[in-house]
C-alpha atoms as a PDB file:
ATOM      1  CA  MET A   1      98.405-110.904 105.223  1.00  0.00           C
ATOM      2  CA  LYS A   2      94.701-111.580 105.678  1.00  0.00           C
ATOM      3  CA  LYS A   3      95.469-115.098 106.869  1.00  0.00           C
ATOM      4  CA  LEU A   4      98.016-113.729 109.349  1.00  0.00           C
ATOM      5  CA  ILE A   5      95.412-111.332 110.817  1.00  0.00           C
ATOM      6  CA  ASN A   6      92.836-114.163 111.169  1.00  0.00           C
ATOM      7  CA  VAL A   7      95.387-116.417 112.882  1.00  0.00           C
ATOM      8  CA  THR A   8      96.347-113.639 115.352  1.00  0.00           C
ATOM      9  CA  LEU A   9      92.859-112.277 116.075  1.00  0.00           C
ATOM     10  CA  LYS A  10      91.069-115.577 116.725  1.00  0.00           C
ATOM     11  CA  PRO A  11      93.129-116.556 119.796  1.00  0.00           C
ATOM     12  CA  LEU A  12      93.025-112.972 121.068  1.00  0.00           C
ATOM     13  CA  MET A  13      89.218-112.810 120.741  1.00  0.00           C
ATOM     14  CA  LEU A  14      88.854-116.207 122.415  1.00  0.00           C
ATOM     15  CA  THR A  15      91.059-115.053 125.308  1.00  0.00           C
ATOM     16  CA  LEU A  16      88.982-111.876 125.742  1.00  0.00           C
ATOM     17  CA  ILE A  17      85.737-113.849 125.801  1.00  0.00           C
ATOM     18  CA  VAL A  18      87.093-116.270 128.422  1.00  0.00           C
ATOM     19  CA  LEU A  19      88.326-113.355 130.584  1.00  0.00           C
ATOM     20  CA  LEU A  20      84.960-111.621 130.336  1.00  0.00           C
ATOM     21  CA  PHE A  21      83.140-114.782 131.342  1.00  0.00           C
ATOM     22  CA  LEU A  22      85.439-115.452 134.313  1.00  0.00           C
ATOM     23  CA  SER A  23      85.200-111.907 135.639  1.00  0.00           C
ATOM     24  CA  SER A  24      81.379-111.888 135.518  1.00  0.00           C
ATOM     25  CA  THR A  25      80.989-115.267 137.244  1.00  0.00           C
ATOM     26  CA  THR A  26      83.345-114.204 140.031  1.00  0.00           C
ATOM     27  CA  ALA A  27      81.163-111.183 140.807  1.00  0.00           C
ATOM     28  CA  TYR A  28      78.048-113.328 141.151  1.00  0.00           C
ATOM     29  CA  ALA A  29      79.781-115.998 143.228  1.00  0.00           C
ATOM     30  CA  ALA A  30      80.988-113.535 145.897  1.00  0.00           C
ATOM     31  CA  LYS A  31      79.895-114.286 149.459  1.00  0.00           C
ATOM     32  CA  PRO A  32      77.394-111.948 151.095  1.00  0.00           C
ATOM     33  CA  ALA A  33      78.921-109.523 153.595  1.00  0.00           C
ATOM     34  CA  THR A  34      79.150-110.627 157.209  1.00  0.00           C
ATOM     35  CA  PRO A  35      76.538-108.800 159.310  1.00  0.00           C
ATOM     36  CA  VAL A  36      78.050-105.901 161.254  1.00  0.00           C
ATOM     37  CA  LEU A  37      76.414-106.171 164.665  1.00  0.00           C
ATOM     38  CA  ILE A  38      77.791-104.734 167.872  1.00  0.00           C
ATOM     39  CA  GLU A  39      77.137-106.949 170.884  1.00  0.00           C
ATOM     40  CA  LYS A  40      78.647-107.093 174.345  1.00  0.00           C
ATOM     41  CA  GLU A  41      77.776-108.684 177.663  1.00  0.00           C
ATOM     42  CA  ILE A  42      78.556-106.445 180.624  1.00  0.00           C
ATOM     43  CA  THR A  43      78.479-107.070 184.357  1.00  0.00           C
ATOM     44  CA  VAL A  44      77.581-104.039 186.435  1.00  0.00           C
ATOM     45  CA  THR A  45      78.266-104.150 190.179  1.00  0.00           C
ATOM     46  CA  SER A  46      77.181-101.674 192.827  1.00  0.00           C
ATOM     47  CA  GLU A  47      80.487 -99.864 192.119  1.00  0.00           C
ATOM     48  CA  GLY A  48      79.138 -98.773 188.723  1.00  0.00           C
ATOM     49  CA  GLY A  49      81.614 -98.218 185.898  1.00  0.00           C
ATOM     50  CA  ASN A  50      82.147 -97.299 182.250  1.00  0.00           C
ATOM     51  CA  PHE A  51      81.631 -99.820 179.460  1.00  0.00           C
ATOM     52  CA  ASP A  52      82.603 -99.429 175.793  1.00  0.00           C
ATOM     53  CA  ILE A  53      80.077-100.987 173.414  1.00  0.00           C
ATOM     54  CA  GLY A  54      81.212-100.289 169.871  1.00  0.00           C
ATOM     55  CA  PHE A  55      80.974 -96.536 169.257  1.00  0.00           C
ATOM     56  CA  ALA A  56      78.967 -96.041 172.498  1.00  0.00           C
ATOM     57  CA  GLN A  57      80.145 -95.706 176.062  1.00  0.00           C
ATOM     58  CA  VAL A  58      77.702 -96.470 178.875  1.00  0.00           C
ATOM     59  CA  LYS A  59      78.345 -94.944 182.293  1.00  0.00           C
ATOM     60  CA  PHE A  60      76.768 -96.432 185.411  1.00  0.00           C
ATOM     61  CA  LYS A  61      76.946 -94.475 188.675  1.00  0.00           C
ATOM     62  CA  LYS A  62      77.774 -96.113 191.994  1.00  0.00           C
ATOM     63  CA  ASN A  63      74.813 -97.820 193.731  1.00  0.00           C
ATOM     64  CA  LEU A  64      72.709 -97.408 190.616  1.00  0.00           C
ATOM     65  CA  PHE A  65      70.242-100.117 191.534  1.00  0.00           C
ATOM     66  CA  GLY A  66      71.037-100.703 195.191  1.00  0.00           C
ATOM     67  CA  GLU A  67      73.969-101.757 197.325  1.00  0.00           C
ATOM     68  CA  ASN A  68      75.797-105.045 196.799  1.00  0.00           C
ATOM     69  CA  GLU A  69      73.813-105.950 193.694  1.00  0.00           C
ATOM     70  CA  THR A  70      75.191-107.179 190.386  1.00  0.00           C
ATOM     71  CA  LEU A  71      73.419-107.004 187.048  1.00  0.00           C
ATOM     72  CA  VAL A  72      74.493-108.865 183.896  1.00  0.00           C
ATOM     73  CA  LEU A  73      73.260-107.140 180.709  1.00  0.00           C
ATOM     74  CA  ASN A  74      73.499-107.969 177.048  1.00  0.00           C
ATOM     75  CA  ALA A  75      73.920-104.800 174.986  1.00  0.00           C
ATOM     76  CA  GLN A  76      73.349-104.765 171.238  1.00  0.00           C
ATOM     77  CA  ILE A  77      73.648-101.982 168.643  1.00  0.00           C
ATOM     78  CA  TYR A  78      71.887-102.532 165.317  1.00  0.00           C
ATOM     79  CA  ALA A  79      69.764-100.805 162.691  1.00  0.00           C
ATOM     80  CA  ASP A  80      66.042-101.375 162.139  1.00  0.00           C
ATOM     81  CA  ASN A  81      64.483 -99.847 159.009  1.00  0.00           C
ATOM     82  CA  GLY A  82      67.447 -97.485 158.719  1.00  0.00           C
ATOM     83  CA  LEU A  83      67.281 -96.220 162.326  1.00  0.00           C
ATOM     84  CA  VAL A  84      70.078 -97.094 164.763  1.00  0.00           C
ATOM     85  CA  TYR A  85      69.239 -98.536 168.180  1.00  0.00           C
ATOM     86  CA  ILE A  86      70.992 -99.649 171.315  1.00  0.00           C
ATOM     87  CA  GLU A  87      69.090-102.335 173.184  1.00  0.00           C
ATOM     88  CA  PHE A  88      69.710-103.844 176.582  1.00  0.00           C
ATOM     89  CA  SER A  89      68.358-107.105 177.912  1.00  0.00           C
ATOM     90  CA  PRO A  90      66.965-107.925 180.254  1.00  0.00           C
ATOM     91  CA  ASP A  91      64.886-104.753 180.470  1.00  0.00           C
ATOM     92  CA  VAL A  92      65.387-102.764 183.677  1.00  0.00           C
ATOM     93  CA  GLU A  93      62.273-100.790 184.613  1.00  0.00           C
ATOM     94  CA  SER A  94      63.994 -98.046 186.611  1.00  0.00           C
ATOM     95  CA  PHE A  95      67.296 -96.954 188.124  1.00  0.00           C
ATOM     96  CA  ILE A  96      67.960 -95.008 191.306  1.00  0.00           C
ATOM     97  CA  LYS A  97      70.268 -92.743 189.241  1.00  0.00           C
ATOM     98  CA  ASP A  98      70.372 -91.900 185.514  1.00  0.00           C
ATOM     99  CA  VAL A  99      72.588 -93.907 183.182  1.00  0.00           C
ATOM    100  CA  LYS A 100      74.516 -91.962 180.531  1.00  0.00           C
ATOM    101  CA  ILE A 101      75.037 -93.312 177.019  1.00  0.00           C
ATOM    102  CA  HIS A 102      77.600 -91.302 175.048  1.00  0.00           C
ATOM    103  CA  THR A 103      78.230 -91.978 171.375  1.00  0.00           C
ATOM    104  CA  SER A 104      81.368 -91.089 169.476  1.00  0.00           C
ATOM    105  CA  SER A 105      81.071 -90.109 165.825  1.00  0.00           C
ATOM    106  CA  TYR A 106      80.702 -93.217 163.687  1.00  0.00           C
ATOM    107  CA  ASP A 107      80.521 -93.458 159.910  1.00  0.00           C
ATOM    108  CA  GLY A 108      80.415 -97.050 158.758  1.00  0.00           C
ATOM    109  CA  LEU A 109      78.401-100.194 158.270  1.00  0.00           C
ATOM    110  CA  LEU A 110      75.807-101.654 160.610  1.00  0.00           C
ATOM    111  CA  TYR A 111      73.407-104.561 160.124  1.00  0.00           C
ATOM    112  CA  ASP A 112      69.756-103.676 159.547  1.00  0.00           C
ATOM    113  CA  ILE A 113      67.560-106.415 161.034  1.00  0.00           C
ATOM    114  CA  SER A 114      64.590-105.474 158.812  1.00  0.00           C
ATOM    115  CA  THR A 115      66.347-105.496 155.446  1.00  0.00           C
ATOM    116  CA  LYS A 116      68.801-108.243 156.502  1.00  0.00           C
ATOM    117  CA  ARG A 117      71.806-106.405 155.071  1.00  0.00           C
ATOM    118  CA  ASN A 118      74.526-104.036 156.180  1.00  0.00           C
ATOM    119  CA  ILE A 119      73.760-100.356 155.661  1.00  0.00           C
ATOM    120  CA  ASN A 120      75.957 -97.276 155.884  1.00  0.00           C
ATOM    121  CA  ILE A 121      75.191 -95.118 158.919  1.00  0.00           C
ATOM    122  CA  GLU A 122      76.467 -91.819 160.284  1.00  0.00           C
ATOM    123  CA  ILE A 123      76.158 -91.225 164.020  1.00  0.00           C
ATOM    124  CA  PRO A 124      77.197 -87.866 165.516  1.00  0.00           C
ATOM    125  CA  ASN A 125      78.579 -87.331 169.017  1.00  0.00           C
ATOM    126  CA  GLN A 126      75.619 -87.307 171.396  1.00  0.00           C
ATOM    127  CA  LEU A 127      74.639 -87.988 174.989  1.00  0.00           C
ATOM    128  CA  LEU A 128      71.537 -89.829 176.188  1.00  0.00           C
ATOM    129  CA  LYS A 129      70.431 -89.878 179.829  1.00  0.00           C
ATOM    130  CA  VAL A 130      68.178 -92.828 180.516  1.00  0.00           C
ATOM    131  CA  GLU A 131      66.125 -93.761 183.571  1.00  0.00           C
ATOM    132  CA  HIS A 132      65.490 -97.368 182.551  1.00  0.00           C
ATOM    133  CA  PHE A 133      66.780 -99.859 180.021  1.00  0.00           C
ATOM    134  CA  SER A 134      65.094-101.264 176.997  1.00  0.00           C
ATOM    135  CA  ARG A 135      65.697 -99.900 173.467  1.00  0.00           C
ATOM    136  CA  TYR A 136      66.800 -96.395 172.494  1.00  0.00           C
ATOM    137  CA  CYS A 137      67.136 -94.798 169.078  1.00  0.00           C
ATOM    138  CA  PHE A 138      70.183 -92.696 168.288  1.00  0.00           C
ATOM    139  CA  SER A 139      69.324 -89.438 166.508  1.00  0.00           C
ATOM    140  CA  PHE A 140      71.084 -88.469 163.296  1.00  0.00           C
END
């Protein structure tokens, strides 16, 4: 009986050890998460318009920066030290009319450029009126 137990337990123990080893190495070999960045290039004409940029919508009024002008902007939403920003480039020093940035509620991941990892953020519905473009922080 004792010999039968030894013969049965040894392969079972060996199998458990191999499974434990394989499961722990898989966890360490996992790829890092892809950065969650929100980026979009938008072209604004003198007609204005609404542009969806991730969980934000940007509204430009007609003749915002003059008649028959077109502006190409790169918009980016990211976190920096846990704070969430929307940034536009190139910077625009002033507009003839306010631009509205409306955010929809968002609860999810976003890349933090300072910590170089995705973080969980919660953004409430809110409305920002801006007179120029550069970088704006969303409140929580």
